[in-house]
Amino acid sequence: MDATTGTSIVGVVTLTTPTGLHDEDAATFARWFACLSDPTRVKLLHTVAVQPGGTTVGALADLLGVSQPTCTHHLRKLADVGFVHLRKQGTTTLVTVNTACCTGLPHAADAVMGTIVTRPCCPTDLPADVTVRAMTDDDWADVRRIYGEGIATRNATFETETPSRRTLDAKWLPDHRWIAEIDGRVVGWAAATPVSPRECYAGVAETSIYVGEDARGRGVGKTLLHKQVTAADAGGLWTLQTAIFPENRASIALHHSAGFRTVGVRERIARHHGVWRDTVMLERRARSSSDRPR
């Protein structure tokens, strides 16, 4: 997909069934969900979460209309699994939300529902007849042709006209441009665009993958994504992101298979041929990023 919207991969993608959650993660998530099985705790957690500076047990009891002993009992349950922090201030107890649960809890729901799995490197069942190489100056005509074929699907990008070579050449990272071939014929391409000129985002890039209309369904997109992801990991990019039209389910599934996770849906983000369209935002962290900014 490109920085303006989508990935031109149309068709059906068959994915290997995930092996499932790790036992430790499953046990942790079960404790979290069990803790939230009580409506009072759900309301308590919500109330604490929307209090930026924290609040007291007494104030919470008044807001929820329960006794202080009942409130204290439920707060201790929430604290036991790490949802809230309890801290004594004189004769009162200050309650604050554990900010880590603001991302951890949604992550758990995504993991259980299969939206994210174990962040694999990339698809491995690649077709033998598709090869990938670096893009050269001789490829621009094919690149723009395939871009135009993606535009024609109306589910690949907000672009309505094929960008010029100068425009594309100026925005794409030189070392992250790839061409897919079958029998020496160009059938697809992939590229990455920096998301920001700021140094702190130097390793974050927006990805694009386009497959020619006569080569779809042959694993070209899968092969390009494999190269794009592995080259990004090797080249020091720590986050890849992309935005895909919700209707392009094959592309979303393919990106999930390469370790991308759904971050959210940007509703009515832009008009496309006079119609408001949504995009699904996905991102992937490098498999090994211990030496990179977090």
Protein backbone atom coordinates (compact mmCIF):
# COMPACT_ATOMS: atom_id res chain seq x y z
CA MET A 1 0.00 0.00 0.00
CA ASP A 2 1.19 3.51 -0.48
CA ALA A 3 1.32 6.52 1.79
CA THR A 4 -1.99 7.74 0.44
CA THR A 5 -3.73 4.45 1.01
CA GLY A 6 -3.46 0.95 -0.11
CA THR A 7 -1.82 -2.19 -1.32
CA SER A 8 -2.80 -3.53 -4.69
CA ILE A 9 -3.08 -7.21 -3.86
CA VAL A 10 -6.40 -8.57 -5.04
CA GLY A 11 -7.48 -12.16 -4.59
CA VAL A 12 -7.68 -14.89 -1.99
CA VAL A 13 -4.81 -15.54 0.40
CA THR A 14 -4.52 -18.88 2.18
CA LEU A 15 -2.68 -18.59 5.46
CA THR A 16 -1.10 -21.25 7.63
CA THR A 17 -3.13 -21.78 10.80
CA PRO A 18 -1.36 -20.16 13.77
CA THR A 19 -0.03 -22.52 16.42
CA GLY A 20 -1.91 -20.55 19.07
CA LEU A 21 -1.06 -18.49 22.12
CA HIS A 22 1.87 -19.36 24.31
CA ASP A 23 0.74 -21.02 27.56
CA GLU A 24 2.14 -18.17 29.67
CA ASP A 25 0.32 -15.52 27.64
CA ALA A 26 -2.94 -17.50 27.73
CA ALA A 27 -2.70 -17.80 31.52
CA THR A 28 -2.00 -14.07 31.92
CA PHE A 29 -4.87 -13.05 29.66
CA ALA A 30 -7.22 -15.45 31.46
CA ARG A 31 -6.41 -13.76 34.78
CA TRP A 32 -7.07 -10.35 33.26
CA PHE A 33 -10.40 -11.33 31.75
CA ALA A 34 -11.45 -13.20 34.90
CA CYS A 35 -10.76 -10.09 36.94
CA LEU A 36 -12.98 -8.06 34.62
CA SER A 37 -15.85 -10.55 34.79
CA ASP A 38 -17.43 -8.43 37.52
CA PRO A 39 -19.27 -5.31 36.25
CA THR A 40 -18.27 -3.31 39.33
CA ARG A 41 -14.59 -3.87 38.55
CA VAL A 42 -15.11 -2.87 34.94
CA LYS A 43 -16.74 0.37 36.07
CA LEU A 44 -14.03 0.96 38.66
CA LEU A 45 -11.23 0.48 36.14
CA HIS A 46 -12.93 2.83 33.69
CA THR A 47 -13.46 5.46 36.37
CA VAL A 48 -9.83 5.31 37.50
CA ALA A 49 -8.56 5.36 33.93
CA VAL A 50 -10.32 8.64 33.13
CA GLN A 51 -8.92 10.34 36.24
CA PRO A 52 -5.50 11.60 35.03
CA GLY A 53 -4.15 12.42 38.47
CA GLY A 54 -5.70 9.45 40.25
CA THR A 55 -8.44 9.43 42.82
CA THR A 56 -9.24 8.08 46.28
CA VAL A 57 -11.12 5.02 47.42
CA GLY A 58 -13.73 7.23 49.07
CA ALA A 59 -14.34 9.24 45.92
CA LEU A 60 -14.66 6.07 43.86
CA ALA A 61 -17.11 4.54 46.32
CA ASP A 62 -19.27 7.67 46.11
CA LEU A 63 -19.15 7.78 42.31
CA LEU A 64 -20.17 4.12 41.97
CA GLY A 65 -22.63 4.10 44.84
CA VAL A 66 -20.96 1.26 46.76
CA SER A 67 -19.55 0.99 50.25
CA GLN A 68 -15.88 1.71 50.84
CA PRO A 69 -15.16 -1.91 51.95
CA THR A 70 -16.75 -3.18 48.72
CA CYS A 71 -14.78 -0.65 46.68
CA THR A 72 -11.54 -1.61 48.44
CA HIS A 73 -12.18 -5.32 47.82
CA HIS A 74 -12.62 -4.83 44.07
CA LEU A 75 -9.68 -2.43 43.81
CA ARG A 76 -7.40 -5.01 45.42
CA LYS A 77 -8.51 -7.52 42.79
CA LEU A 78 -7.67 -5.00 40.06
CA ALA A 79 -4.31 -4.27 41.70
CA ASP A 80 -3.46 -7.98 41.97
CA VAL A 81 -3.44 -8.36 38.18
CA GLY A 82 -1.75 -5.01 37.63
CA PHE A 83 -4.58 -2.86 36.30
CA VAL A 84 -4.28 -0.22 39.03
CA HIS A 85 -1.76 1.01 41.57
CA LEU A 86 -2.73 1.63 45.22
CA ARG A 87 -0.64 4.05 47.27
CA LYS A 88 -1.17 5.22 50.84
CA GLN A 89 -1.27 8.99 51.42
CA GLY A 90 -1.78 9.52 55.11
CA THR A 91 -5.12 7.98 56.02
CA THR A 92 -6.35 7.76 52.41
CA THR A 93 -5.46 5.45 49.55
CA LEU A 94 -4.68 7.02 46.18
CA VAL A 95 -5.72 4.92 43.19
CA THR A 96 -4.07 5.39 39.78
CA VAL A 97 -4.31 3.39 36.57
CA ASN A 98 -1.36 1.32 35.42
CA THR A 99 -0.72 3.02 32.09
CA ALA A 100 0.76 -0.18 30.67
CA CYS A 101 -2.68 -1.78 30.73
CA CYS A 102 -3.96 0.89 28.33
CA THR A 103 -2.03 -0.93 25.60
CA GLY A 104 -1.68 -4.35 27.19
CA LEU A 105 -5.41 -4.99 27.50
CA PRO A 106 -6.26 -4.15 23.86
CA HIS A 107 -3.26 -6.24 22.80
CA ALA A 108 -4.62 -9.20 24.77
CA ALA A 109 -8.01 -8.94 23.07
CA ASP A 110 -6.34 -8.77 19.64
CA ALA A 111 -4.15 -11.77 20.42
CA VAL A 112 -7.05 -13.91 21.63
CA MET A 113 -9.17 -13.03 18.60
CA GLY A 114 -6.33 -13.83 16.20
CA THR A 115 -5.86 -10.29 14.94
CA ILE A 116 -2.21 -10.64 15.91
CA VAL A 117 -0.25 -13.81 16.35
CA THR A 118 3.36 -14.40 17.32
CA ARG A 119 4.75 -11.72 14.99
CA PRO A 120 6.29 -14.11 12.42
CA CYS A 121 9.09 -12.92 10.19
CA CYS A 122 7.16 -13.32 6.96
CA PRO A 123 5.40 -15.90 4.74
CA THR A 124 7.66 -18.83 3.90
CA ASP A 125 5.66 -20.81 1.33
CA LEU A 126 6.89 -18.71 -1.57
CA PRO A 127 6.29 -19.65 -5.22
CA ALA A 128 9.37 -20.96 -7.00
CA ASP A 129 8.71 -19.04 -10.22
CA VAL A 130 8.68 -15.56 -8.66
CA THR A 131 12.01 -13.80 -8.16
CA VAL A 132 12.68 -10.45 -6.52
CA ARG A 133 15.52 -8.03 -7.26
CA ALA A 134 16.37 -4.39 -6.61
CA MET A 135 14.54 -1.81 -8.71
CA THR A 136 16.56 -0.08 -11.45
CA ASP A 137 16.03 2.94 -13.70
CA ASP A 138 14.93 0.60 -16.49
CA ASP A 139 11.90 -0.49 -14.43
CA TRP A 140 10.04 2.82 -14.21
CA ALA A 141 7.71 2.18 -17.14
CA ASP A 142 6.60 -1.16 -15.65
CA VAL A 143 6.35 0.33 -12.16
CA ARG A 144 4.01 3.09 -13.36
CA ARG A 145 2.01 0.64 -15.49
CA ILE A 146 1.40 -1.66 -12.53
CA TYR A 147 0.63 1.33 -10.30
CA GLY A 148 -2.05 2.35 -12.81
CA GLU A 149 -3.52 -1.15 -12.75
CA GLY A 150 -3.77 -0.90 -8.99
CA ILE A 151 -5.47 2.47 -9.21
CA ALA A 152 -8.02 0.94 -11.58
CA THR A 153 -9.20 -1.51 -8.90
CA ARG A 154 -10.32 1.44 -6.73
CA ASN A 155 -9.27 -0.56 -3.67
CA ALA A 156 -5.53 0.08 -3.71
CA THR A 157 -4.99 3.81 -3.22
CA PHE A 158 -6.65 7.20 -2.98
CA GLU A 159 -4.66 8.22 -6.04
CA THR A 160 -6.76 8.62 -9.16
CA GLU A 161 -3.85 9.22 -11.54
CA THR A 162 -0.48 7.48 -11.70
CA PRO A 163 2.21 9.60 -9.98
CA SER A 164 5.14 10.71 -12.09
CA ARG A 165 8.51 9.00 -11.96
CA ARG A 166 9.99 12.13 -10.40
CA THR A 167 7.39 12.10 -7.61
CA LEU A 168 7.93 8.44 -6.78
CA ASP A 169 11.71 8.62 -7.07
CA ALA A 170 11.82 11.59 -4.70
CA LYS A 171 9.81 9.95 -1.91
CA TRP A 172 10.91 6.29 -1.88
CA LEU A 173 13.88 5.07 0.14
CA PRO A 174 16.62 4.13 -2.37
CA ASP A 175 17.56 0.86 -0.64
CA HIS A 176 13.99 -0.39 -0.22
CA ARG A 177 12.65 -0.64 -3.77
CA TRP A 178 11.98 -4.11 -5.13
CA ILE A 179 10.85 -5.66 -8.39
CA ALA A 180 9.14 -9.06 -8.77
CA GLU A 181 9.59 -11.02 -11.97
CA ILE A 182 8.17 -14.17 -13.53
CA ASP A 183 10.20 -15.52 -16.45
CA GLY A 184 12.01 -12.19 -16.72
CA ARG A 185 8.77 -10.19 -16.91
CA VAL A 186 8.06 -7.47 -14.31
CA VAL A 187 4.87 -8.44 -12.44
CA GLY A 188 5.01 -6.35 -9.28
CA TRP A 189 6.94 -3.94 -7.11
CA ALA A 190 7.37 -2.87 -3.52
CA ALA A 191 8.73 0.33 -2.00
CA ALA A 192 9.04 2.13 1.33
CA THR A 193 8.58 5.82 2.11
CA PRO A 194 9.92 7.62 5.21
CA VAL A 195 7.06 8.77 7.43
CA SER A 196 8.90 11.86 8.69
CA PRO A 197 12.13 13.83 8.17
CA ARG A 198 12.67 13.91 11.94
CA GLU A 199 15.65 11.90 13.15
CA CYS A 200 13.64 10.09 15.84
CA TYR A 201 11.50 8.50 13.09
CA ALA A 202 14.44 7.53 10.87
CA GLY A 203 13.59 3.84 11.14
CA VAL A 204 9.87 4.16 10.45
CA ALA A 205 8.59 3.70 6.91
CA GLU A 206 5.26 3.45 5.06
CA THR A 207 5.17 0.45 2.73
CA SER A 208 3.66 -0.09 -0.71
CA ILE A 209 3.14 -3.33 -2.64
CA TYR A 210 1.54 -3.51 -6.10
CA VAL A 211 0.95 -6.57 -8.26
CA GLY A 212 0.13 -6.49 -11.97
CA GLU A 213 -3.40 -7.47 -12.89
CA ASP A 214 -2.28 -10.49 -14.93
CA ALA A 215 -0.14 -11.91 -12.12
CA ARG A 216 -2.48 -11.72 -9.13
CA GLY A 217 -3.13 -14.88 -7.16
CA ARG A 218 0.31 -16.33 -7.96
CA GLY A 219 2.11 -15.41 -4.75
CA VAL A 220 3.76 -12.29 -6.14
CA GLY A 221 2.57 -10.09 -3.26
CA LYS A 222 3.67 -12.70 -0.74
CA THR A 223 7.15 -12.87 -2.27
CA LEU A 224 7.50 -9.09 -2.39
CA LEU A 225 6.36 -8.77 1.23
CA HIS A 226 8.89 -11.41 2.28
CA LYS A 227 11.68 -9.39 0.66
CA GLN A 228 10.38 -6.08 1.97
CA VAL A 229 10.18 -7.28 5.57
CA THR A 230 13.50 -9.10 5.67
CA ALA A 231 15.31 -6.23 3.95
CA ALA A 232 13.76 -3.73 6.35
CA ASP A 233 14.91 -5.77 9.35
CA ALA A 234 18.41 -6.06 7.92
CA GLY A 235 18.50 -2.41 6.88
CA GLY A 236 17.71 -0.91 10.28
CA LEU A 237 14.04 -0.03 9.83
CA TRP A 238 12.40 -0.77 13.16
CA THR A 239 8.77 -0.09 12.22
CA LEU A 240 6.87 -0.63 8.99
CA GLN A 241 3.38 0.75 8.67
CA THR A 242 0.70 0.65 6.02
CA ALA A 243 -2.91 1.68 5.50
CA ILE A 244 -5.26 -0.57 3.56
CA PHE A 245 -8.87 -0.19 2.48
CA PRO A 246 -11.03 -2.55 4.62
CA GLU A 247 -12.44 -4.04 1.42
CA ASN A 248 -8.97 -5.34 0.48
CA ARG A 249 -9.18 -8.25 2.91
CA ALA A 250 -6.61 -10.34 1.06
CA SER A 251 -3.96 -7.69 1.58
CA ILE A 252 -4.83 -7.26 5.26
CA ALA A 253 -4.58 -11.02 5.81
CA LEU A 254 -1.27 -11.18 3.98
CA HIS A 255 0.22 -8.41 6.11
CA HIS A 256 -0.98 -10.14 9.29
CA SER A 257 0.90 -13.24 8.14
CA ALA A 258 4.09 -11.15 8.02
CA GLY A 259 3.79 -9.91 11.59
CA PHE A 260 1.83 -6.71 11.00
CA ARG A 261 -0.84 -5.95 13.60
CA THR A 262 -3.96 -3.91 13.17
CA VAL A 263 -3.55 -0.61 15.03
CA GLY A 264 -7.02 0.68 14.26
CA VAL A 265 -9.43 1.97 11.65
CA ARG A 266 -9.31 5.57 10.43
CA GLU A 267 -12.94 6.27 9.68
CA ARG A 268 -13.89 8.52 6.76
CA ILE A 269 -10.27 9.59 6.42
CA ALA A 270 -10.59 10.89 2.85
CA ARG A 271 -12.89 11.00 -0.17
CA HIS A 272 -12.30 8.63 -3.06
CA HIS A 273 -14.29 9.24 -6.24
CA GLY A 274 -16.68 11.33 -4.15
CA VAL A 275 -17.19 8.70 -1.44
CA TRP A 276 -15.80 8.79 2.10
CA ARG A 277 -13.50 5.79 2.67
CA ASP A 278 -12.00 4.17 5.77
CA THR A 279 -8.51 2.72 6.03
CA VAL A 280 -7.15 0.02 8.31
CA MET A 281 -3.83 1.03 9.89
CA LEU A 282 -1.32 -1.77 10.39
CA GLU A 283 2.24 -1.77 11.67
CA ARG A 284 5.07 -4.20 12.20
CA ARG A 285 7.98 -3.91 14.61
CA ALA A 286 11.34 -5.36 13.64
CA ARG A 287 11.73 -8.90 14.90
CA SER A 288 14.88 -8.00 16.81
CA SER A 289 14.89 -4.42 18.06
CA SER A 290 16.75 -4.60 21.36
CA ASP A 291 19.42 -2.21 20.04
CA ARG A 292 16.93 0.24 18.54
CA PRO A 293 14.82 2.99 20.08
CA ARG A 294 11.61 1.92 21.75
